[in-house]
PDB file of N, CA and C in Angstrom:
ATOM      1  N   MET A   1      65.456 -45.170 108.726  1.00  0.00           N
ATOM      2  CA  MET A   1      64.865 -44.467 109.836  1.00  0.00           C
ATOM      3  C   MET A   1      63.573 -43.825 109.371  1.00  0.00           C
ATOM      4  N   SER A   2      62.561 -43.872 110.209  1.00  0.00           N
ATOM      5  CA  SER A   2      61.286 -43.309 109.817  1.00  0.00           C
ATOM      6  C   SER A   2      61.358 -41.788 109.846  1.00  0.00           C
ATOM      7  N   PRO A   3      60.640 -41.139 108.935  1.00  0.00           N
ATOM      8  CA  PRO A   3      60.634 -39.674 108.930  1.00  0.00           C
ATOM      9  C   PRO A   3      60.123 -39.107 110.243  1.00  0.00           C
ATOM     10  N   GLU A   4      59.234 -39.835 110.908  1.00  0.00           N
ATOM     11  CA  GLU A   4      58.683 -39.331 112.156  1.00  0.00           C
ATOM     12  C   GLU A   4      59.668 -39.393 113.308  1.00  0.00           C
ATOM     13  N   SER A   5      60.756 -40.143 113.132  1.00  0.00           N
ATOM     14  CA  SER A   5      61.733 -40.218 114.217  1.00  0.00           C
ATOM     15  C   SER A   5      62.700 -39.051 114.170  1.00  0.00           C
ATOM     16  N   ARG A   6      62.655 -38.287 113.082  1.00  0.00           N
ATOM     17  CA  ARG A   6      63.459 -37.074 112.981  1.00  0.00           C
ATOM     18  C   ARG A   6      62.574 -35.901 113.365  1.00  0.00           C
ATOM     19  N   PRO A   7      63.048 -35.000 114.215  1.00  0.00           N
ATOM     20  CA  PRO A   7      62.198 -33.909 114.676  1.00  0.00           C
ATOM     21  C   PRO A   7      61.643 -33.052 113.548  1.00  0.00           C
ATOM     22  N   TYR A   8      62.459 -32.695 112.579  1.00  0.00           N
ATOM     23  CA  TYR A   8      62.011 -31.862 111.480  1.00  0.00           C
ATOM     24  C   TYR A   8      62.710 -32.321 110.219  1.00  0.00           C
ATOM     25  N   ALA A   9      61.985 -32.365 109.123  1.00  0.00           N
ATOM     26  CA  ALA A   9      62.514 -32.857 107.852  1.00  0.00           C
ATOM     27  C   ALA A   9      63.784 -32.129 107.459  1.00  0.00           C
ATOM     28  N   GLY A  10      64.740 -32.884 106.981  1.00  0.00           N
ATOM     29  CA  GLY A  10      65.991 -32.311 106.511  1.00  0.00           C
ATOM     30  C   GLY A  10      66.831 -31.695 107.612  1.00  0.00           C
ATOM     31  N   GLY A  11      66.471 -31.974 108.869  1.00  0.00           N
ATOM     32  CA  GLY A  11      67.232 -31.409 109.972  1.00  0.00           C
ATOM     33  C   GLY A  11      66.943 -29.938 110.203  1.00  0.00           C
ATOM     34  N   ARG A  12      66.092 -29.352 109.342  1.00  0.00           N
ATOM     35  CA  ARG A  12      65.756 -27.938 109.506  1.00  0.00           C
ATOM     36  C   ARG A  12      64.716 -27.797 110.596  1.00  0.00           C
ATOM     37  N   GLN A  13      64.921 -26.844 111.438  1.00  0.00           N
ATOM     38  CA  GLN A  13      63.974 -26.581 112.507  1.00  0.00           C
ATOM     39  C   GLN A  13      63.369 -25.210 112.293  1.00  0.00           C
ATOM     40  N   PRO A  14      62.094 -25.056 112.672  1.00  0.00           N
ATOM     41  CA  PRO A  14      61.512 -23.724 112.565  1.00  0.00           C
ATOM     42  C   PRO A  14      62.211 -22.801 113.545  1.00  0.00           C
ATOM     43  N   ASP A  15      62.168 -21.529 113.253  1.00  0.00           N
ATOM     44  CA  ASP A  15      62.761 -20.545 114.144  1.00  0.00           C
ATOM     45  C   ASP A  15      62.014 -20.600 115.472  1.00  0.00           C
ATOM     46  N   GLN A  16      62.674 -21.129 116.489  1.00  0.00           N
ATOM     47  CA  GLN A  16      62.025 -21.364 117.766  1.00  0.00           C
ATOM     48  C   GLN A  16      61.517 -20.080 118.402  1.00  0.00           C
ATOM     49  N   ASP A  17      62.143 -18.960 118.123  1.00  0.00           N
ATOM     50  CA  ASP A  17      61.700 -17.698 118.697  1.00  0.00           C
ATOM     51  C   ASP A  17      60.403 -17.219 118.060  1.00  0.00           C
ATOM     52  N   ARG A  18      60.088 -17.698 116.866  1.00  0.00           N
ATOM     53  CA  ARG A  18      58.890 -17.249 116.174  1.00  0.00           C
ATOM     54  C   ARG A  18      57.671 -18.119 116.470  1.00  0.00           C
ATOM     55  N   LEU A  19      57.898 -19.346 116.916  1.00  0.00           N
ATOM     56  CA  LEU A  19      56.776 -20.221 117.226  1.00  0.00           C
ATOM     57  C   LEU A  19      56.097 -19.775 118.511  1.00  0.00           C
ATOM     58  N   PRO A  20      54.755 -19.681 118.498  1.00  0.00           N
ATOM     59  CA  PRO A  20      54.060 -19.385 119.754  1.00  0.00           C
ATOM     60  C   PRO A  20      54.322 -20.514 120.751  1.00  0.00           C
ATOM     61  N   VAL A  21      54.376 -20.169 122.015  1.00  0.00           N
ATOM     62  CA  VAL A  21      54.682 -21.154 123.049  1.00  0.00           C
ATOM     63  C   VAL A  21      53.693 -22.315 122.987  1.00  0.00           C
ATOM     64  N   ALA A  22      52.414 -22.042 122.794  1.00  0.00           N
ATOM     65  CA  ALA A  22      51.413 -23.109 122.748  1.00  0.00           C
ATOM     66  C   ALA A  22      51.717 -24.084 121.615  1.00  0.00           C
ATOM     67  N   ASP A  23      52.180 -23.594 120.476  1.00  0.00           N
ATOM     68  CA  ASP A  23      52.511 -24.486 119.359  1.00  0.00           C
ATOM     69  C   ASP A  23      53.689 -25.385 119.705  1.00  0.00           C
ATOM     70  N   ARG A  24      54.660 -24.843 120.402  1.00  0.00           N
ATOM     71  CA  ARG A  24      55.812 -25.656 120.787  1.00  0.00           C
ATOM     72  C   ARG A  24      55.409 -26.723 121.797  1.00  0.00           C
ATOM     73  N   LEU A  25      54.500 -26.390 122.703  1.00  0.00           N
ATOM     74  CA  LEU A  25      54.070 -27.349 123.711  1.00  0.00           C
ATOM     75  C   LEU A  25      53.233 -28.463 123.108  1.00  0.00           C
ATOM     76  N   ASP A  26      52.476 -28.162 122.081  1.00  0.00           N
ATOM     77  CA  ASP A  26      51.606 -29.151 121.446  1.00  0.00           C
ATOM     78  C   ASP A  26      52.305 -29.967 120.368  1.00  0.00           C
ATOM     79  N   ASP A  27      53.448 -29.517 119.897  1.00  0.00           N
ATOM     80  CA  ASP A  27      54.150 -30.184 118.800  1.00  0.00           C
ATOM     81  C   ASP A  27      54.858 -31.432 119.315  1.00  0.00           C
ATOM     82  N   ASP A  28      54.376 -32.589 118.883  1.00  0.00           N
ATOM     83  CA  ASP A  28      54.924 -33.870 119.310  1.00  0.00           C
ATOM     84  C   ASP A  28      56.357 -34.081 118.819  1.00  0.00           C
ATOM     85  N   HIS A  29      56.750 -33.320 117.811  1.00  0.00           N
ATOM     86  CA  HIS A  29      58.081 -33.487 117.223  1.00  0.00           C
ATOM     87  C   HIS A  29      59.041 -32.352 117.592  1.00  0.00           C
ATOM     88  N   PHE A  30      58.607 -31.463 118.477  1.00  0.00           N
ATOM     89  CA  PHE A  30      59.467 -30.367 118.907  1.00  0.00           C
ATOM     90  C   PHE A  30      60.555 -30.920 119.827  1.00  0.00           C
ATOM     91  N   PRO A  31      61.824 -30.664 119.531  1.00  0.00           N
ATOM     92  CA  PRO A  31      62.930 -31.214 120.329  1.00  0.00           C
ATOM     93  C   PRO A  31      63.109 -30.455 121.649  1.00  0.00           C
ATOM     94  N   ALA A  32      62.317 -30.812 122.640  1.00  0.00           N
ATOM     95  CA  ALA A  32      62.264 -30.054 123.888  1.00  0.00           C
ATOM     96  C   ALA A  32      63.100 -30.626 125.018  1.00  0.00           C
ATOM     97  N   TYR A  33      63.521 -31.878 124.910  1.00  0.00           N
ATOM     98  CA  TYR A  33      64.159 -32.539 126.053  1.00  0.00           C
ATOM     99  C   TYR A  33      65.649 -32.743 125.841  1.00  0.00           C
ATOM    100  N   THR A  34      66.418 -32.366 126.843  1.00  0.00           N
ATOM    101  CA  THR A  34      67.864 -32.609 126.812  1.00  0.00           C
ATOM    102  C   THR A  34      68.094 -34.111 126.987  1.00  0.00           C
ATOM    103  N   MET A  35      69.290 -34.553 126.688  1.00  0.00           N
ATOM    104  CA  MET A  35      69.596 -35.963 126.820  1.00  0.00           C
ATOM    105  C   MET A  35      69.389 -36.444 128.255  1.00  0.00           C
ATOM    106  N   GLY A  36      69.864 -35.680 129.216  1.00  0.00           N
ATOM    107  CA  GLY A  36      69.721 -36.085 130.614  1.00  0.00           C
ATOM    108  C   GLY A  36      68.271 -36.227 131.033  1.00  0.00           C
ATOM    109  N   ARG A  37      67.466 -35.248 130.669  1.00  0.00           N
ATOM    110  CA  ARG A  37      66.045 -35.282 131.020  1.00  0.00           C
ATOM    111  C   ARG A  37      65.339 -36.408 130.275  1.00  0.00           C
ATOM    112  N   ALA A  38      65.655 -36.593 129.003  1.00  0.00           N
ATOM    113  CA  ALA A  38      65.052 -37.655 128.203  1.00  0.00           C
ATOM    114  C   ALA A  38      65.373 -39.017 128.809  1.00  0.00           C
ATOM    115  N   ALA A  39      66.619 -39.233 129.167  1.00  0.00           N
ATOM    116  CA  ALA A  39      67.029 -40.508 129.766  1.00  0.00           C
ATOM    117  C   ALA A  39      66.289 -40.727 131.085  1.00  0.00           C
ATOM    118  N   GLU A  40      66.165 -39.677 131.870  1.00  0.00           N
ATOM    119  CA  GLU A  40      65.453 -39.776 133.140  1.00  0.00           C
ATOM    120  C   GLU A  40      63.991 -40.153 132.925  1.00  0.00           C
ATOM    121  N   LEU A  41      63.354 -39.530 131.933  1.00  0.00           N
ATOM    122  CA  LEU A  41      61.940 -39.790 131.671  1.00  0.00           C
ATOM    123  C   LEU A  41      61.671 -41.231 131.261  1.00  0.00           C
ATOM    124  N   ILE A  42      62.583 -41.831 130.506  1.00  0.00           N
ATOM    125  CA  ILE A  42      62.356 -43.219 130.069  1.00  0.00           C
ATOM    126  C   ILE A  42      63.029 -44.232 130.987  1.00  0.00           C
ATOM    127  N   GLY A  43      63.714 -43.753 132.013  1.00  0.00           N
ATOM    128  CA  GLY A  43      64.347 -44.642 132.972  1.00  0.00           C
ATOM    129  C   GLY A  43      65.545 -45.378 132.415  1.00  0.00           C
ATOM    130  N   ALA A  44      66.339 -44.681 131.631  1.00  0.00           N
ATOM    131  CA  ALA A  44      67.516 -45.295 131.015  1.00  0.00           C
ATOM    132  C   ALA A  44      68.715 -44.368 131.187  1.00  0.00           C
ATOM    133  N   ALA A  45      69.876 -44.893 130.853  1.00  0.00           N
ATOM    134  CA  ALA A  45      71.095 -44.083 130.887  1.00  0.00           C
ATOM    135  C   ALA A  45      71.238 -43.326 129.567  1.00  0.00           C
ATOM    136  N   PRO A  46      71.925 -42.196 129.579  1.00  0.00           N
ATOM    137  CA  PRO A  46      72.171 -41.477 128.325  1.00  0.00           C
ATOM    138  C   PRO A  46      72.811 -42.362 127.242  1.00  0.00           C
ATOM    139  N   ALA A  47      73.628 -43.310 127.656  1.00  0.00           N
ATOM    140  CA  ALA A  47      74.256 -44.216 126.681  1.00  0.00           C
ATOM    141  C   ALA A  47      73.208 -45.006 125.898  1.00  0.00           C
ATOM    142  N   PHE A  48      72.075 -45.308 126.533  1.00  0.00           N
ATOM    143  CA  PHE A  48      70.997 -46.020 125.839  1.00  0.00           C
ATOM    144  C   PHE A  48      70.462 -45.165 124.699  1.00  0.00           C
ATOM    145  N   LEU A  49      70.247 -43.881 124.946  1.00  0.00           N
ATOM    146  CA  LEU A  49      69.766 -42.974 123.895  1.00  0.00           C
ATOM    147  C   LEU A  49      70.799 -42.838 122.779  1.00  0.00           C
ATOM    148  N   ARG A  50      72.074 -42.786 123.149  1.00  0.00           N
ATOM    149  CA  ARG A  50      73.120 -42.728 122.121  1.00  0.00           C
ATOM    150  C   ARG A  50      73.092 -43.991 121.265  1.00  0.00           C
ATOM    151  N   ALA A  51      72.857 -45.143 121.889  1.00  0.00           N
ATOM    152  CA  ALA A  51      72.791 -46.410 121.157  1.00  0.00           C
ATOM    153  C   ALA A  51      71.629 -46.404 120.161  1.00  0.00           C
ATOM    154  N   LEU A  52      70.508 -45.786 120.533  1.00  0.00           N
ATOM    155  CA  LEU A  52      69.370 -45.702 119.618  1.00  0.00           C
ATOM    156  C   LEU A  52      69.692 -44.795 118.441  1.00  0.00           C
ATOM    157  N   GLY A  53      70.494 -43.784 118.687  1.00  0.00           N
ATOM    158  CA  GLY A  53      70.951 -42.919 117.604  1.00  0.00           C
ATOM    159  C   GLY A  53      71.899 -43.664 116.677  1.00  0.00           C
ATOM    160  N   GLU A  54      72.803 -44.447 117.258  1.00  0.00           N
ATOM    161  CA  GLU A  54      73.738 -45.236 116.449  1.00  0.00           C
ATOM    162  C   GLU A  54      73.009 -46.296 115.631  1.00  0.00           C
ATOM    163  N   ALA A  55      71.916 -46.822 116.188  1.00  0.00           N
ATOM    164  CA  ALA A  55      71.107 -47.806 115.468  1.00  0.00           C
ATOM    165  C   ALA A  55      70.193 -47.136 114.442  1.00  0.00           C
ATOM    166  N   ARG A  56      70.215 -45.813 114.421  1.00  0.00           N
ATOM    167  CA  ARG A  56      69.442 -44.988 113.491  1.00  0.00           C
ATOM    168  C   ARG A  56      67.931 -45.110 113.652  1.00  0.00           C
ATOM    169  N   LEU A  57      67.505 -45.408 114.869  1.00  0.00           N
ATOM    170  CA  LEU A  57      66.069 -45.408 115.134  1.00  0.00           C
ATOM    171  C   LEU A  57      65.588 -43.973 115.299  1.00  0.00           C
ATOM    172  N   ILE A  58      66.350 -43.196 116.051  1.00  0.00           N
ATOM    173  CA  ILE A  58      66.004 -41.784 116.251  1.00  0.00           C
ATOM    174  C   ILE A  58      67.235 -40.926 115.969  1.00  0.00           C
ATOM    175  N   THR A  59      66.973 -39.738 115.471  1.00  0.00           N
ATOM    176  CA  THR A  59      68.040 -38.771 115.234  1.00  0.00           C
ATOM    177  C   THR A  59      67.676 -37.506 115.989  1.00  0.00           C
ATOM    178  N   PRO A  60      68.300 -37.278 117.124  1.00  0.00           N
ATOM    179  CA  PRO A  60      67.942 -36.086 117.893  1.00  0.00           C
ATOM    180  C   PRO A  60      68.372 -34.811 117.176  1.00  0.00           C
ATOM    181  N   ALA A  61      67.639 -33.756 117.455  1.00  0.00           N
ATOM    182  CA  ALA A  61      68.050 -32.435 116.963  1.00  0.00           C
ATOM    183  C   ALA A  61      69.264 -32.008 117.788  1.00  0.00           C
ATOM    184  N   ARG A  62      69.933 -30.982 117.337  1.00  0.00           N
ATOM    185  CA  ARG A  62      71.090 -30.463 118.080  1.00  0.00           C
ATOM    186  C   ARG A  62      70.833 -28.998 118.425  1.00  0.00           C
ATOM    187  N   SER A  63      71.187 -28.650 119.641  1.00  0.00           N
ATOM    188  CA  SER A  63      71.081 -27.254 120.055  1.00  0.00           C
ATOM    189  C   SER A  63      72.208 -26.467 119.400  1.00  0.00           C
ATOM    190  N   GLY A  64      72.198 -25.169 119.571  1.00  0.00           N
ATOM    191  CA  GLY A  64      73.271 -24.335 119.030  1.00  0.00           C
ATOM    192  C   GLY A  64      74.640 -24.754 119.529  1.00  0.00           C
ATOM    193  N   GLY A  65      74.706 -25.287 120.731  1.00  0.00           N
ATOM    194  CA  GLY A  65      75.966 -25.748 121.307  1.00  0.00           C
ATOM    195  C   GLY A  65      76.286 -27.197 120.983  1.00  0.00           C
ATOM    196  N   GLY A  66      75.436 -27.851 120.173  1.00  0.00           N
ATOM    197  CA  GLY A  66      75.695 -29.225 119.765  1.00  0.00           C
ATOM    198  C   GLY A  66      75.111 -30.289 120.675  1.00  0.00           C
ATOM    199  N   HIS A  67      74.319 -29.885 121.665  1.00  0.00           N
ATOM    200  CA  HIS A  67      73.736 -30.854 122.587  1.00  0.00           C
ATOM    201  C   HIS A  67      72.504 -31.507 121.965  1.00  0.00           C
ATOM    202  N   ARG A  68      72.317 -32.784 122.250  1.00  0.00           N
ATOM    203  CA  ARG A  68      71.170 -33.515 121.716  1.00  0.00           C
ATOM    204  C   ARG A  68      69.875 -33.042 122.362  1.00  0.00           C
ATOM    205  N   ARG A  69      68.823 -32.958 121.540  1.00  0.00           N
ATOM    206  CA  ARG A  69      67.474 -32.602 122.000  1.00  0.00           C
ATOM    207  C   ARG A  69      66.503 -33.620 121.427  1.00  0.00           C
ATOM    208  N   TYR A  70      65.612 -34.115 122.276  1.00  0.00           N
ATOM    209  CA  TYR A  70      64.675 -35.161 121.893  1.00  0.00           C
ATOM    210  C   TYR A  70      63.237 -34.662 121.966  1.00  0.00           C
ATOM    211  N   SER A  71      62.401 -35.191 121.087  1.00  0.00           N
ATOM    212  CA  SER A  71      60.981 -34.854 121.075  1.00  0.00           C
ATOM    213  C   SER A  71      60.192 -35.902 121.862  1.00  0.00           C
ATOM    214  N   ARG A  72      58.937 -35.592 122.145  1.00  0.00           N
ATOM    215  CA  ARG A  72      58.074 -36.565 122.833  1.00  0.00           C
ATOM    216  C   ARG A  72      57.905 -37.816 121.979  1.00  0.00           C
ATOM    217  N   HIS A  73      57.779 -37.639 120.679  1.00  0.00           N
ATOM    218  CA  HIS A  73      57.632 -38.800 119.790  1.00  0.00           C
ATOM    219  C   HIS A  73      58.860 -39.703 119.887  1.00  0.00           C
ATOM    220  N   GLN A  74      60.026 -39.115 119.862  1.00  0.00           N
ATOM    221  CA  GLN A  74      61.253 -39.901 119.975  1.00  0.00           C
ATOM    222  C   GLN A  74      61.330 -40.607 121.323  1.00  0.00           C
ATOM    223  N   LEU A  75      60.861 -39.957 122.371  1.00  0.00           N
ATOM    224  CA  LEU A  75      60.883 -40.581 123.688  1.00  0.00           C
ATOM    225  C   LEU A  75      59.921 -41.759 123.762  1.00  0.00           C
ATOM    226  N   ARG A  76      58.791 -41.674 123.074  1.00  0.00           N
ATOM    227  CA  ARG A  76      57.880 -42.825 123.032  1.00  0.00           C
ATOM    228  C   ARG A  76      58.540 -44.007 122.328  1.00  0.00           C
ATOM    229  N   LEU A  77      59.257 -43.727 121.229  1.00  0.00           N
ATOM    230  CA  LEU A  77      59.974 -44.795 120.536  1.00  0.00           C
ATOM    231  C   LEU A  77      61.041 -45.402 121.447  1.00  0.00           C
ATOM    232  N   ALA A  78      61.795 -44.553 122.120  1.00  0.00           N
ATOM    233  CA  ALA A  78      62.849 -45.027 123.019  1.00  0.00           C
ATOM    234  C   ALA A  78      62.265 -45.847 124.163  1.00  0.00           C
ATOM    235  N   ALA A  79      61.126 -45.419 124.698  1.00  0.00           N
ATOM    236  CA  ALA A  79      60.491 -46.153 125.789  1.00  0.00           C
ATOM    237  C   ALA A  79      60.028 -47.528 125.313  1.00  0.00           C
ATOM    238  N   ARG A  80      59.533 -47.603 124.085  1.00  0.00           N
ATOM    239  CA  ARG A  80      59.102 -48.901 123.533  1.00  0.00           C
ATOM    240  C   ARG A  80      60.313 -49.820 123.361  1.00  0.00           C
ATOM    241  N   VAL A  81      61.413 -49.282 122.869  1.00  0.00           N
ATOM    242  CA  VAL A  81      62.632 -50.087 122.736  1.00  0.00           C
ATOM    243  C   VAL A  81      63.067 -50.570 124.111  1.00  0.00           C
ATOM    244  N   ARG A  82      63.004 -49.683 125.078  1.00  0.00           N
ATOM    245  CA  ARG A  82      63.418 -50.072 126.435  1.00  0.00           C
ATOM    246  C   ARG A  82      62.565 -51.214 126.955  1.00  0.00           C
ATOM    247  N   GLU A  83      61.251 -51.183 126.697  1.00  0.00           N
ATOM    248  CA  GLU A  83      60.376 -52.286 127.107  1.00  0.00           C
ATOM    249  C   GLU A  83      60.861 -53.602 126.507  1.00  0.00           C
ATOM    250  N   LEU A  84      61.165 -53.582 125.216  1.00  0.00           N
ATOM    251  CA  LEU A  84      61.608 -54.795 124.534  1.00  0.00           C
ATOM    252  C   LEU A  84      62.952 -55.273 125.075  1.00  0.00           C
ATOM    253  N   VAL A  85      63.863 -54.337 125.303  1.00  0.00           N
ATOM    254  CA  VAL A  85      65.186 -54.692 125.840  1.00  0.00           C
ATOM    255  C   VAL A  85      65.034 -55.289 127.240  1.00  0.00           C
ATOM    256  N   ASP A  86      64.146 -54.706 128.043  1.00  0.00           N
ATOM    257  CA  ASP A  86      63.911 -55.226 129.388  1.00  0.00           C
ATOM    258  C   ASP A  86      63.348 -56.648 129.356  1.00  0.00           C
ATOM    259  N   GLN A  87      62.701 -57.017 128.242  1.00  0.00           N
ATOM    260  CA  GLN A  87      62.155 -58.362 128.085  1.00  0.00           C
ATOM    261  C   GLN A  87      63.176 -59.328 127.482  1.00  0.00           C
ATOM    262  N   GLY A  88      64.398 -58.833 127.224  1.00  0.00           N
ATOM    263  CA  GLY A  88      65.459 -59.699 126.735  1.00  0.00           C
ATOM    264  C   GLY A  88      65.786 -59.580 125.259  1.00  0.00           C
ATOM    265  N   THR A  89      65.155 -58.650 124.560  1.00  0.00           N
ATOM    266  CA  THR A  89      65.423 -58.450 123.138  1.00  0.00           C
ATOM    267  C   THR A  89      66.697 -57.629 122.969  1.00  0.00           C
ATOM    268  N   PRO A  90      67.602 -58.030 122.093  1.00  0.00           N
ATOM    269  CA  PRO A  90      68.799 -57.215 121.846  1.00  0.00           C
ATOM    270  C   PRO A  90      68.406 -55.828 121.302  1.00  0.00           C
ATOM    271  N   VAL A  91      69.204 -54.814 121.599  1.00  0.00           N
ATOM    272  CA  VAL A  91      68.888 -53.433 121.213  1.00  0.00           C
ATOM    273  C   VAL A  91      68.659 -53.316 119.705  1.00  0.00           C
ATOM    274  N   ASP A  92      69.534 -53.880 118.876  1.00  0.00           N
ATOM    275  CA  ASP A  92      69.363 -53.760 117.425  1.00  0.00           C
ATOM    276  C   ASP A  92      68.052 -54.376 116.961  1.00  0.00           C
ATOM    277  N   ALA A  93      67.701 -55.538 117.520  1.00  0.00           N
ATOM    278  CA  ALA A  93      66.444 -56.193 117.157  1.00  0.00           C
ATOM    279  C   ALA A  93      65.250 -55.370 117.636  1.00  0.00           C
ATOM    280  N   ALA A  94      65.348 -54.814 118.834  1.00  0.00           N
ATOM    281  CA  ALA A  94      64.264 -53.993 119.371  1.00  0.00           C
ATOM    282  C   ALA A  94      64.056 -52.743 118.513  1.00  0.00           C
ATOM    283  N   CYS A  95      65.143 -52.151 118.054  1.00  0.00           N
ATOM    284  CA  CYS A  95      65.043 -50.974 117.178  1.00  0.00           C
ATOM    285  C   CYS A  95      64.353 -51.343 115.868  1.00  0.00           C
ATOM    286  N   ARG A  96      64.681 -52.495 115.326  1.00  0.00           N
ATOM    287  CA  ARG A  96      64.056 -52.942 114.074  1.00  0.00           C
ATOM    288  C   ARG A  96      62.568 -53.200 114.281  1.00  0.00           C
ATOM    289  N   ILE A  97      62.223 -53.821 115.391  1.00  0.00           N
ATOM    290  CA  ILE A  97      60.811 -54.083 115.700  1.00  0.00           C
ATOM    291  C   ILE A  97      60.041 -52.778 115.804  1.00  0.00           C
ATOM    292  N   VAL A  98      60.588 -51.813 116.528  1.00  0.00           N
ATOM    293  CA  VAL A  98      59.906 -50.526 116.711  1.00  0.00           C
ATOM    294  C   VAL A  98      59.795 -49.793 115.376  1.00  0.00           C
ATOM    295  N   SER A  99      60.823 -49.867 114.561  1.00  0.00           N
ATOM    296  CA  SER A  99      60.783 -49.248 113.238  1.00  0.00           C
ATOM    297  C   SER A  99      59.674 -49.864 112.386  1.00  0.00           C
ATOM    298  N   LEU A 100      59.554 -51.181 112.424  1.00  0.00           N
ATOM    299  CA  LEU A 100      58.501 -51.861 111.665  1.00  0.00           C
ATOM    300  C   LEU A 100      57.119 -51.536 112.221  1.00  0.00           C
ATOM    301  N   GLU A 101      57.001 -51.412 113.523  1.00  0.00           N
ATOM    302  CA  GLU A 101      55.723 -51.011 114.119  1.00  0.00           C
ATOM    303  C   GLU A 101      55.321 -49.624 113.637  1.00  0.00           C
ATOM    304  N   GLU A 102      56.294 -48.723 113.558  1.00  0.00           N
ATOM    305  CA  GLU A 102      56.031 -47.361 113.068  1.00  0.00           C
ATOM    306  C   GLU A 102      55.567 -47.387 111.615  1.00  0.00           C
ATOM    307  N   GLN A 103      56.241 -48.176 110.786  1.00  0.00           N
ATOM    308  CA  GLN A 103      55.863 -48.282 109.380  1.00  0.00           C
ATOM    309  C   GLN A 103      54.443 -48.828 109.239  1.00  0.00           C
ATOM    310  N   LEU A 104      54.118 -49.846 110.021  1.00  0.00           N
ATOM    311  CA  LEU A 104      52.778 -50.429 109.980  1.00  0.00           C
ATOM    312  C   LEU A 104      51.727 -49.408 110.395  1.00  0.00           C
ATOM    313  N   GLU A 105      52.008 -48.656 111.440  1.00  0.00           N
ATOM    314  CA  GLU A 105      51.067 -47.640 111.901  1.00  0.00           C
ATOM    315  C   GLU A 105      50.818 -46.580 110.835  1.00  0.00           C
ATOM    316  N   ARG A 106      51.891 -46.128 110.171  1.00  0.00           N
ATOM    317  CA  ARG A 106      51.738 -45.134 109.092  1.00  0.00           C
ATOM    318  C   ARG A 106      50.930 -45.704 107.939  1.00  0.00           C
ATOM    319  N   ALA A 107      51.189 -46.958 107.585  1.00  0.00           N
ATOM    320  CA  ALA A 107      50.459 -47.589 106.484  1.00  0.00           C
ATOM    321  C   ALA A 107      48.976 -47.735 106.825  1.00  0.00           C
ATOM    322  N   GLU A 108      48.691 -48.102 108.061  1.00  0.00           N
ATOM    323  CA  GLU A 108      47.294 -48.223 108.488  1.00  0.00           C
ATOM    324  C   GLU A 108      46.584 -46.876 108.450  1.00  0.00           C
ATOM    325  N   ARG A 109      47.277 -45.814 108.879  1.00  0.00           N
ATOM    326  CA  ARG A 109      46.680 -44.464 108.811  1.00  0.00           C
ATOM    327  C   ARG A 109      46.416 -44.061 107.365  1.00  0.00           C
ATOM    328  N   ALA A 110      47.385 -44.330 106.486  1.00  0.00           N
ATOM    329  CA  ALA A 110      47.218 -43.981 105.067  1.00  0.00           C
ATOM    330  C   ALA A 110      46.049 -44.757 104.456  1.00  0.00           C
ATOM    331  N   ASN A 111      45.929 -46.032 104.785  1.00  0.00           N
ATOM    332  CA  ASN A 111      44.814 -46.836 104.277  1.00  0.00           C
ATOM    333  C   ASN A 111      43.478 -46.293 104.759  1.00  0.00           C
ATOM    334  N   GLU A 112      43.416 -45.920 106.019  1.00  0.00           N
ATOM    335  CA  GLU A 112      42.181 -45.374 106.566  1.00  0.00           C
ATOM    336  C   GLU A 112      41.817 -44.060 105.872  1.00  0.00           C
ATOM    337  N   GLU A 113      42.808 -43.215 105.611  1.00  0.00           N
ATOM    338  CA  GLU A 113      42.540 -41.961 104.899  1.00  0.00           C
ATOM    339  C   GLU A 113      42.037 -42.238 103.487  1.00  0.00           C
ATOM    340  N   LEU A 114      42.617 -43.214 102.822  1.00  0.00           N
ATOM    341  CA  LEU A 114      42.154 -43.589 101.481  1.00  0.00           C
ATOM    342  C   LEU A 114      40.726 -44.112 101.528  1.00  0.00           C
ATOM    343  N   ARG A 115      40.420 -44.935 102.507  1.00  0.00           N
ATOM    344  CA  ARG A 115      39.049 -45.462 102.635  1.00  0.00           C
ATOM    345  C   ARG A 115      38.051 -44.332 102.854  1.00  0.00           C
ATOM    346  N   ARG A 116      38.408 -43.388 103.717  1.00  0.00           N
ATOM    347  CA  ARG A 116      37.510 -42.251 103.960  1.00  0.00           C
ATOM    348  C   ARG A 116      37.342 -41.419 102.707  1.00  0.00           C
ATOM    349  N   GLY A 117      38.427 -41.235 101.962  1.00  0.00           N
ATOM    350  CA  GLY A 117      38.366 -40.463 100.723  1.00  0.00           C
ATOM    351  C   GLY A 117      37.504 -41.138  99.678  1.00  0.00           C
ATOM    352  N   GLU A 118      37.626 -42.446  99.558  1.00  0.00           N
ATOM    353  CA  GLU A 118      36.807 -43.185  98.594  1.00  0.00           C
ATOM    354  C   GLU A 118      35.342 -43.165  98.996  1.00  0.00           C
ATOM    355  N   ALA A 119      35.057 -43.273 100.268  1.00  0.00           N
ATOM    356  CA  ALA A 119      33.673 -43.260 100.737  1.00  0.00           C
ATOM    357  C   ALA A 119      33.037 -41.898 100.477  1.00  0.00           C
ATOM    358  N   GLY A 120      33.810 -40.837 100.646  1.00  0.00           N
ATOM    359  CA  GLY A 120      33.287 -39.493 100.403  1.00  0.00           C
ATOM    360  C   GLY A 120      33.151 -39.181  98.922  1.00  0.00           C
ATOM    361  N   ALA A 121      33.977 -39.816  98.086  1.00  0.00           N
ATOM    362  CA  ALA A 121      33.952 -39.539  96.652  1.00  0.00           C
ATOM    363  C   ALA A 121      32.820 -40.278  95.946  1.00  0.00           C
ATOM    364  N   LEU A 122      32.267 -41.324  96.561  1.00  0.00           N
ATOM    365  CA  LEU A 122      31.244 -42.137  95.929  1.00  0.00           C
ATOM    366  C   LEU A 122      29.972 -42.204  96.785  1.00  0.00           C
ATOM    367  N   PRO A 123      29.354 -41.049  97.087  1.00  0.00           N
ATOM    368  CA  PRO A 123      28.225 -41.079  98.017  1.00  0.00           C
ATOM    369  C   PRO A 123      26.993 -41.782  97.462  1.00  0.00           C
ATOM    370  N   GLY A 124      26.694 -41.679  96.165  1.00  0.00           N
ATOM    371  CA  GLY A 124      25.474 -42.253  95.600  1.00  0.00           C
ATOM    372  C   GLY A 124      25.672 -43.601  94.948  1.00  0.00           C
ATOM    373  N   ARG A 125      26.880 -44.086  94.881  1.00  0.00           N
ATOM    374  CA  ARG A 125      27.166 -45.361  94.207  1.00  0.00           C
ATOM    375  C   ARG A 125      26.933 -46.547  95.124  1.00  0.00           C
ATOM    376  N   ARG A 126      26.468 -47.625  94.494  1.00  0.00           N
ATOM    377  CA  ARG A 126      26.290 -48.869  95.246  1.00  0.00           C
ATOM    378  C   ARG A 126      26.988 -49.993  94.568  1.00  0.00           C
TER     379      ARG A 126
END
């Protein structure tokens, strides 16, 4: 599972009462959506989200009462899986495809950062 599919590393969440509201609204990984709302937003049944958890594509945070909470990032992943499933791809295969897409995106970002760093480190060299 990609680190970005987990809301916060190690399952630890920042103290929600201490975060300014604006930070919580802007945080793409903040677990703001209940299972029902998340399922509604992506146009799927709650069982679909549970299946993505079982496939280990996303790991929702848990509220104090044990209820699943999803982030916007996780919902984008779930929506992409849903697109693939709607096109006839089995759920497990769709989860693997989305996971590989995430890995590729991270690798491309890392490469771009390295290129920018090298360009800045060698300004006078030809």
